[in-house]
Amino acid sequence: MQNVYRKLVLNVIRSRKTSIHSPFVPAVRKLQCSAIRLSADGVKDNEQNNGFDASLLEYLVCPLSKKPLRYEVLTNELINEELGIAYPIVDGIPNMIPQDARMTRKDEQTRKDNADD
């Protein structure tokens, strides 16, 4: 019986070395690296293009009010003017979770109060 196991193990080891299509060959992952490139004017590419596709705005709506959103380039957020909510965009992906949204009306009121002082 021990010889049978030994032969089985040896066959598996040999098949791993010789056959690419063997089910025992471990999966190979592609190595992905991120790099920052500078454009001609010295600005990082990811600062110029944050990865958000503005054409998605025709499909995206606020999860609370179901109203269309406005894309704010400076803050990289999707804004709901009606409710005063700003949804962040992280790595080109809008975070549409209401708990993660920022209230913009409070920020505007704080700015007005500070300007009055």
Protein backbone atom coordinates (compact mmCIF):
# COMPACT_ATOMS: atom_id res chain seq x y z
CA MET A 1 0.00 0.00 0.00
CA GLN A 2 2.86 2.36 0.79
CA ASN A 3 4.26 1.84 -2.70
CA VAL A 4 0.93 2.82 -4.22
CA TYR A 5 0.93 6.14 -2.34
CA ARG A 6 4.54 6.79 -3.28
CA LYS A 7 3.79 6.18 -6.98
CA LEU A 8 0.75 8.41 -6.81
CA VAL A 9 2.72 11.26 -5.23
CA LEU A 10 5.54 10.89 -7.75
CA ASN A 11 3.07 10.97 -10.65
CA VAL A 12 1.47 14.13 -9.30
CA ILE A 13 4.85 15.82 -8.92
CA ARG A 14 5.89 14.81 -12.44
CA SER A 15 2.62 16.00 -13.90
CA ARG A 16 3.07 19.41 -12.28
CA LYS A 17 6.46 19.78 -13.91
CA THR A 18 5.47 18.58 -17.37
CA SER A 19 1.90 19.59 -18.02
CA ILE A 20 0.78 23.21 -18.13
CA HIS A 21 -2.88 22.22 -18.35
CA SER A 22 -2.80 19.92 -15.35
CA PRO A 23 -5.42 20.67 -12.68
CA PHE A 24 -2.64 20.62 -10.10
CA VAL A 25 -0.77 23.57 -11.59
CA PRO A 26 -1.24 26.56 -9.30
CA ALA A 27 -2.94 29.60 -10.74
CA VAL A 28 -0.66 32.39 -11.85
CA ARG A 29 -1.65 35.97 -11.10
CA LYS A 30 -0.69 38.92 -13.18
CA LEU A 31 1.50 41.36 -11.28
CA GLN A 32 -0.03 44.82 -11.26
CA CYS A 33 1.96 47.88 -10.38
CA SER A 34 0.77 51.41 -10.01
CA ALA A 35 3.01 54.19 -11.13
CA ILE A 36 2.71 57.94 -11.12
CA ARG A 37 3.55 59.58 -14.39
CA LEU A 38 4.16 63.25 -14.87
CA SER A 39 2.65 65.03 -17.83
CA ALA A 40 4.43 67.69 -19.87
CA ASP A 41 3.44 70.45 -17.43
CA GLY A 42 4.74 68.47 -14.42
CA VAL A 43 1.30 67.68 -12.97
CA LYS A 44 0.60 64.11 -11.94
CA ASP A 45 -1.72 62.24 -14.31
CA ASN A 46 -3.95 61.13 -11.46
CA GLU A 47 -4.49 64.77 -10.49
CA GLN A 48 -5.66 65.58 -14.01
CA ASN A 49 -7.75 62.47 -14.42
CA ASN A 50 -9.18 61.05 -11.23
CA GLY A 51 -10.66 58.08 -13.05
CA PHE A 52 -14.32 59.05 -12.68
CA ASP A 53 -16.28 58.73 -15.89
CA ALA A 54 -18.66 61.70 -16.05
CA SER A 55 -20.88 59.84 -18.52
CA LEU A 56 -22.09 57.77 -15.55
CA LEU A 57 -23.98 60.81 -14.26
CA GLU A 58 -26.91 60.00 -16.54
CA TYR A 59 -27.35 56.69 -14.67
CA LEU A 60 -26.41 57.65 -11.10
CA VAL A 61 -28.97 59.14 -8.75
CA CYS A 62 -28.96 59.97 -5.06
CA PRO A 63 -29.92 56.85 -3.09
CA LEU A 64 -32.01 58.96 -0.70
CA SER A 65 -33.96 61.31 -2.97
CA LYS A 66 -33.55 59.47 -6.31
CA LYS A 67 -32.66 62.85 -7.88
CA PRO A 68 -29.79 63.42 -10.35
CA LEU A 69 -26.37 64.32 -8.99
CA ARG A 70 -23.87 66.98 -10.03
CA TYR A 71 -20.17 66.19 -10.35
CA GLU A 72 -17.86 68.64 -8.57
CA VAL A 73 -14.37 68.43 -10.08
CA LEU A 74 -12.58 70.44 -7.37
CA THR A 75 -13.70 68.26 -4.47
CA ASN A 76 -14.11 65.06 -6.54
CA GLU A 77 -17.62 64.49 -5.20
CA LEU A 78 -21.14 63.88 -6.44
CA ILE A 79 -23.41 66.60 -5.08
CA ASN A 80 -27.13 66.47 -4.34
CA GLU A 81 -28.07 70.16 -4.27
CA GLU A 82 -31.58 69.51 -2.96
CA LEU A 83 -30.49 67.67 0.20
CA GLY A 84 -27.09 69.30 0.56
CA ILE A 85 -25.17 66.01 0.46
CA ALA A 86 -21.80 65.28 -1.16
CA TYR A 87 -20.85 61.68 -1.96
CA PRO A 88 -17.08 61.11 -2.22
CA ILE A 89 -15.43 59.46 -5.22
CA VAL A 90 -12.59 57.16 -4.21
CA ASP A 91 -10.27 55.78 -6.90
CA GLY A 92 -12.84 56.65 -9.57
CA ILE A 93 -15.65 54.80 -7.77
CA PRO A 94 -18.51 56.82 -6.27
CA ASN A 95 -19.20 55.92 -2.64
CA MET A 96 -22.99 56.18 -2.59
CA ILE A 97 -23.44 55.08 1.03
CA PRO A 98 -25.46 57.81 2.77
CA GLN A 99 -23.59 57.36 6.05
CA ASP A 100 -20.31 58.18 4.27
CA ALA A 101 -21.70 61.31 2.61
CA ARG A 102 -20.74 64.80 3.71
CA MET A 103 -23.32 67.47 4.51
CA THR A 104 -22.60 70.50 2.33
CA ARG A 105 -25.18 72.88 3.78
CA LYS A 106 -23.51 72.83 7.19
CA ASP A 107 -20.19 73.60 5.49
CA GLU A 108 -21.73 76.52 3.60
CA GLN A 109 -23.33 77.87 6.78
CA THR A 110 -20.02 77.59 8.65
CA ARG A 111 -18.25 79.49 5.86
CA LYS A 112 -20.89 82.24 5.96
CA ASP A 113 -20.60 82.52 9.75
CA ASN A 114 -16.80 82.75 9.53
CA ALA A 115 -17.03 85.39 6.78
CA ASP A 116 -19.39 87.51 8.91
CA ASP A 117 -16.93 87.54 11.85
